[in-house]
Amino acid sequence: MATKKVKSDRCVTMLKALADEHRWDIVRTLLAESLSVSELGARLGMAQPNVSKHLGTLRAAGIVVTERVGKEVHGSIAPAFRAELSKNANRLDLGCCSFDFNSPRK
């Protein structure tokens, strides 16, 4: 019996990106405001190299964008991702599951 193919690779990419608790915290923080890597690290109690690595994963999934401002790298929510969330009151519906960014991580 053939298994049903996942709706799209996007679903798998999003699930992998949002599965990590630190990336979840980064996304929730960036939904409120854009911050530099050092500001994110200080706010979330993470080392800068770890924040950069997590931002890279989130960027590859299309969730965040980064921009170099002088010597700093600033992260923010990707416009397309923010637009998708705003349609559903900060809920991401992937079809197979949904994520509510209004609620704290459990």
N, C-alpha and C. Protein backbone atom coordinates (compact mmCIF):
# COMPACT_ATOMS: atom_id res chain seq x y z
N MET A 1 0.84 -1.18 0.00
CA MET A 1 0.00 0.00 0.00
C MET A 1 0.89 1.25 0.00
N ALA A 2 0.63 2.13 -0.91
CA ALA A 2 1.43 3.36 -1.03
C ALA A 2 1.04 4.33 0.08
N THR A 3 2.03 4.97 0.65
CA THR A 3 1.74 5.97 1.67
C THR A 3 1.45 7.29 0.99
N LYS A 4 0.63 8.07 1.62
CA LYS A 4 0.26 9.37 1.09
C LYS A 4 1.45 10.33 1.24
N LYS A 5 1.85 10.94 0.14
CA LYS A 5 2.99 11.87 0.16
C LYS A 5 2.61 13.13 0.94
N VAL A 6 3.55 13.59 1.74
CA VAL A 6 3.33 14.82 2.49
C VAL A 6 2.95 15.92 1.51
N LYS A 7 2.07 16.79 1.93
CA LYS A 7 1.53 17.84 1.06
C LYS A 7 2.62 18.55 0.27
N SER A 8 3.72 18.84 0.91
CA SER A 8 4.82 19.48 0.21
C SER A 8 6.08 19.39 1.04
N ASP A 9 7.19 19.65 0.39
CA ASP A 9 8.46 19.70 1.13
C ASP A 9 8.45 20.85 2.12
N ARG A 10 7.65 21.85 1.85
CA ARG A 10 7.56 23.01 2.75
C ARG A 10 7.13 22.59 4.15
N CYS A 11 6.19 21.67 4.23
CA CYS A 11 5.70 21.19 5.52
C CYS A 11 6.85 20.55 6.30
N VAL A 12 7.60 19.70 5.67
CA VAL A 12 8.72 19.03 6.33
C VAL A 12 9.76 20.05 6.77
N THR A 13 10.06 21.00 5.91
CA THR A 13 11.05 22.04 6.23
C THR A 13 10.60 22.86 7.44
N MET A 14 9.34 23.25 7.46
CA MET A 14 8.80 24.03 8.58
C MET A 14 8.83 23.22 9.87
N LEU A 15 8.42 21.97 9.79
CA LEU A 15 8.40 21.13 10.99
C LEU A 15 9.79 20.96 11.57
N LYS A 16 10.77 20.73 10.72
CA LYS A 16 12.15 20.59 11.19
C LYS A 16 12.64 21.89 11.81
N ALA A 17 12.34 23.01 11.18
CA ALA A 17 12.82 24.30 11.67
C ALA A 17 12.18 24.67 13.01
N LEU A 18 10.90 24.35 13.18
CA LEU A 18 10.19 24.76 14.39
C LEU A 18 10.23 23.71 15.49
N ALA A 19 10.86 22.57 15.24
CA ALA A 19 10.91 21.50 16.23
C ALA A 19 11.83 21.82 17.41
N ASP A 20 12.80 22.67 17.19
CA ASP A 20 13.77 23.00 18.23
C ASP A 20 13.23 24.11 19.12
N GLU A 21 13.30 23.92 20.43
CA GLU A 21 12.74 24.90 21.36
C GLU A 21 13.43 26.26 21.28
N HIS A 22 14.72 26.27 20.97
CA HIS A 22 15.43 27.55 20.85
C HIS A 22 14.96 28.31 19.61
N ARG A 23 14.75 27.61 18.51
CA ARG A 23 14.25 28.28 17.30
C ARG A 23 12.84 28.80 17.53
N TRP A 24 12.03 28.03 18.24
CA TRP A 24 10.67 28.48 18.58
C TRP A 24 10.75 29.79 19.36
N ASP A 25 11.64 29.86 20.36
CA ASP A 25 11.80 31.07 21.16
C ASP A 25 12.30 32.24 20.31
N ILE A 26 13.20 31.96 19.38
CA ILE A 26 13.71 33.01 18.49
C ILE A 26 12.58 33.58 17.64
N VAL A 27 11.76 32.71 17.07
CA VAL A 27 10.65 33.17 16.23
C VAL A 27 9.68 34.01 17.06
N ARG A 28 9.31 33.53 18.24
CA ARG A 28 8.37 34.29 19.08
C ARG A 28 8.95 35.65 19.45
N THR A 29 10.25 35.72 19.72
CA THR A 29 10.89 36.98 20.07
C THR A 29 10.92 37.93 18.87
N LEU A 30 11.26 37.39 17.70
CA LEU A 30 11.33 38.23 16.50
C LEU A 30 9.96 38.66 15.99
N LEU A 31 8.91 37.96 16.38
CA LEU A 31 7.57 38.42 16.01
C LEU A 31 7.27 39.76 16.66
N ALA A 32 7.84 40.01 17.83
CA ALA A 32 7.61 41.27 18.54
C ALA A 32 8.49 42.39 18.01
N GLU A 33 9.77 42.06 17.65
CA GLU A 33 10.68 43.09 17.16
C GLU A 33 11.90 42.46 16.51
N SER A 34 12.50 43.19 15.60
CA SER A 34 13.75 42.77 14.98
C SER A 34 14.88 43.04 15.96
N LEU A 35 15.82 42.09 16.04
CA LEU A 35 16.94 42.23 16.96
C LEU A 35 18.23 41.75 16.32
N SER A 36 19.35 42.22 16.86
CA SER A 36 20.65 41.73 16.40
C SER A 36 20.90 40.36 17.03
N VAL A 37 21.88 39.66 16.48
CA VAL A 37 22.24 38.34 17.02
C VAL A 37 22.64 38.47 18.49
N SER A 38 23.42 39.49 18.81
CA SER A 38 23.86 39.67 20.21
C SER A 38 22.67 40.00 21.12
N GLU A 39 21.73 40.81 20.64
CA GLU A 39 20.54 41.12 21.44
C GLU A 39 19.69 39.87 21.66
N LEU A 40 19.52 39.06 20.61
CA LEU A 40 18.77 37.81 20.75
C LEU A 40 19.45 36.89 21.76
N GLY A 41 20.77 36.78 21.65
CA GLY A 41 21.51 35.93 22.58
C GLY A 41 21.34 36.36 24.02
N ALA A 42 21.45 37.66 24.25
CA ALA A 42 21.29 38.19 25.61
C ALA A 42 19.87 37.97 26.12
N ARG A 43 18.90 38.21 25.29
CA ARG A 43 17.51 38.08 25.71
C ARG A 43 17.13 36.63 26.00
N LEU A 44 17.67 35.70 25.20
CA LEU A 44 17.29 34.29 25.33
C LEU A 44 18.31 33.45 26.10
N GLY A 45 19.40 34.09 26.54
CA GLY A 45 20.41 33.36 27.30
C GLY A 45 21.16 32.33 26.47
N MET A 46 21.46 32.70 25.22
CA MET A 46 22.14 31.80 24.29
C MET A 46 23.43 32.45 23.80
N ALA A 47 24.42 31.62 23.49
CA ALA A 47 25.66 32.12 22.92
C ALA A 47 25.43 32.60 21.49
N GLN A 48 26.15 33.63 21.08
CA GLN A 48 25.97 34.19 19.73
C GLN A 48 26.15 33.17 18.61
N PRO A 49 27.16 32.29 18.69
CA PRO A 49 27.28 31.30 17.61
C PRO A 49 26.06 30.38 17.49
N ASN A 50 25.46 30.05 18.63
CA ASN A 50 24.25 29.22 18.59
C ASN A 50 23.07 29.97 17.98
N VAL A 51 22.94 31.24 18.33
CA VAL A 51 21.87 32.05 17.75
C VAL A 51 22.06 32.12 16.24
N SER A 52 23.29 32.36 15.80
CA SER A 52 23.56 32.44 14.36
C SER A 52 23.20 31.15 13.64
N LYS A 53 23.55 30.02 14.24
CA LYS A 53 23.24 28.72 13.64
C LYS A 53 21.73 28.52 13.53
N HIS A 54 21.00 28.84 14.60
CA HIS A 54 19.55 28.69 14.58
C HIS A 54 18.91 29.65 13.57
N LEU A 55 19.43 30.87 13.47
CA LEU A 55 18.92 31.82 12.48
C LEU A 55 19.13 31.29 11.06
N GLY A 56 20.25 30.62 10.83
CA GLY A 56 20.51 30.03 9.52
C GLY A 56 19.47 28.98 9.15
N THR A 57 19.11 28.15 10.11
CA THR A 57 18.08 27.13 9.89
C THR A 57 16.74 27.78 9.61
N LEU A 58 16.39 28.79 10.39
CA LEU A 58 15.12 29.49 10.20
C LEU A 58 15.10 30.26 8.88
N ARG A 59 16.24 30.79 8.49
CA ARG A 59 16.35 31.51 7.21
C ARG A 59 16.15 30.54 6.05
N ALA A 60 16.76 29.36 6.14
CA ALA A 60 16.63 28.35 5.08
C ALA A 60 15.18 27.89 4.93
N ALA A 61 14.42 27.92 6.01
CA ALA A 61 13.02 27.52 5.98
C ALA A 61 12.10 28.66 5.52
N GLY A 62 12.66 29.86 5.35
CA GLY A 62 11.85 31.00 4.91
C GLY A 62 11.10 31.67 6.04
N ILE A 63 11.52 31.43 7.27
CA ILE A 63 10.83 31.99 8.43
C ILE A 63 11.41 33.34 8.83
N VAL A 64 12.72 33.48 8.74
CA VAL A 64 13.37 34.74 9.09
C VAL A 64 14.24 35.22 7.94
N VAL A 65 14.57 36.48 8.00
CA VAL A 65 15.56 37.08 7.11
C VAL A 65 16.59 37.77 8.00
N THR A 66 17.81 37.87 7.49
CA THR A 66 18.85 38.56 8.23
C THR A 66 19.44 39.65 7.35
N GLU A 67 19.97 40.66 8.02
CA GLU A 67 20.56 41.79 7.30
C GLU A 67 21.75 42.29 8.10
N ARG A 68 22.84 42.52 7.40
CA ARG A 68 24.03 43.07 8.06
C ARG A 68 23.86 44.58 8.17
N VAL A 69 24.01 45.08 9.39
CA VAL A 69 23.95 46.51 9.67
C VAL A 69 25.25 46.87 10.37
N GLY A 70 26.19 47.42 9.60
CA GLY A 70 27.51 47.68 10.16
C GLY A 70 28.18 46.36 10.49
N LYS A 71 28.59 46.20 11.74
CA LYS A 71 29.24 44.96 12.17
C LYS A 71 28.25 43.93 12.70
N GLU A 72 26.99 44.31 12.83
CA GLU A 72 25.99 43.42 13.42
C GLU A 72 25.12 42.77 12.35
N VAL A 73 24.59 41.63 12.69
CA VAL A 73 23.59 40.96 11.86
C VAL A 73 22.26 41.03 12.61
N HIS A 74 21.25 41.57 11.94
CA HIS A 74 19.92 41.69 12.53
C HIS A 74 18.99 40.66 11.92
N GLY A 75 18.18 40.06 12.77
CA GLY A 75 17.19 39.10 12.31
C GLY A 75 15.80 39.66 12.44
N SER A 76 14.94 39.28 11.50
CA SER A 76 13.53 39.66 11.57
C SER A 76 12.71 38.58 10.88
N ILE A 77 11.43 38.61 11.11
CA ILE A 77 10.53 37.63 10.49
C ILE A 77 10.41 37.96 9.00
N ALA A 78 10.51 36.93 8.18
CA ALA A 78 10.38 37.11 6.73
C ALA A 78 8.99 37.66 6.41
N PRO A 79 8.91 38.65 5.51
CA PRO A 79 7.61 39.25 5.19
C PRO A 79 6.53 38.24 4.78
N ALA A 80 6.88 37.26 3.97
CA ALA A 80 5.88 36.27 3.53
C ALA A 80 5.39 35.44 4.71
N PHE A 81 6.29 35.08 5.61
CA PHE A 81 5.91 34.30 6.79
C PHE A 81 5.02 35.14 7.70
N ARG A 82 5.39 36.41 7.90
CA ARG A 82 4.58 37.30 8.75
C ARG A 82 3.19 37.48 8.15
N ALA A 83 3.11 37.62 6.82
CA ALA A 83 1.81 37.78 6.16
C ALA A 83 0.95 36.54 6.35
N GLU A 84 1.58 35.37 6.25
CA GLU A 84 0.84 34.12 6.45
C GLU A 84 0.30 34.01 7.88
N LEU A 85 1.12 34.42 8.85
CA LEU A 85 0.67 34.39 10.24
C LEU A 85 -0.43 35.41 10.50
N SER A 86 -0.31 36.58 9.90
CA SER A 86 -1.30 37.63 10.16
C SER A 86 -2.68 37.27 9.62
N LYS A 87 -2.73 36.41 8.62
CA LYS A 87 -4.03 35.96 8.09
C LYS A 87 -4.77 35.10 9.11
N ASN A 88 -4.03 34.44 9.99
CA ASN A 88 -4.63 33.50 10.93
C ASN A 88 -4.35 33.85 12.39
N ALA A 89 -4.23 35.12 12.71
CA ALA A 89 -4.01 35.58 14.08
C ALA A 89 -2.82 34.89 14.74
N ASN A 90 -1.68 34.92 14.07
CA ASN A 90 -0.42 34.34 14.55
C ASN A 90 -0.46 32.82 14.67
N ARG A 91 -1.25 32.17 13.84
CA ARG A 91 -1.27 30.70 13.77
C ARG A 91 -0.77 30.29 12.38
N LEU A 92 0.13 29.33 12.37
CA LEU A 92 0.66 28.78 11.12
C LEU A 92 -0.03 27.45 10.90
N ASP A 93 -0.79 27.33 9.82
CA ASP A 93 -1.49 26.08 9.51
C ASP A 93 -0.79 25.42 8.33
N LEU A 94 -0.17 24.26 8.58
CA LEU A 94 0.55 23.54 7.54
C LEU A 94 -0.31 22.47 6.89
N GLY A 95 -1.54 22.34 7.30
CA GLY A 95 -2.41 21.30 6.77
C GLY A 95 -2.35 20.05 7.62
N CYS A 96 -1.13 19.57 7.89
CA CYS A 96 -0.96 18.39 8.74
C CYS A 96 -1.01 18.76 10.22
N CYS A 97 -0.66 19.98 10.53
CA CYS A 97 -0.65 20.46 11.90
C CYS A 97 -0.61 21.99 11.89
N SER A 98 -0.74 22.58 13.05
CA SER A 98 -0.67 24.04 13.13
C SER A 98 0.14 24.44 14.34
N PHE A 99 0.68 25.64 14.28
CA PHE A 99 1.48 26.21 15.36
C PHE A 99 0.84 27.52 15.79
N ASP A 100 0.68 27.70 17.08
CA ASP A 100 0.10 28.92 17.62
C ASP A 100 1.21 29.72 18.28
N PHE A 101 1.60 30.84 17.68
CA PHE A 101 2.67 31.65 18.21
C PHE A 101 2.19 32.62 19.29
N ASN A 102 0.90 32.56 19.63
CA ASN A 102 0.37 33.38 20.71
C ASN A 102 0.61 32.70 22.07
N SER A 103 0.75 31.40 22.07
CA SER A 103 0.90 30.63 23.29
C SER A 103 2.37 30.37 23.59
N PRO A 104 2.71 30.34 24.89
CA PRO A 104 4.09 29.98 25.22
C PRO A 104 4.36 28.52 24.86
N ARG A 105 5.62 28.22 24.64
CA ARG A 105 6.04 26.86 24.33
C ARG A 105 5.73 25.98 25.52
N LYS A 106 5.29 24.75 25.24
CA LYS A 106 4.95 23.81 26.33
C LYS A 106 5.99 22.74 26.45
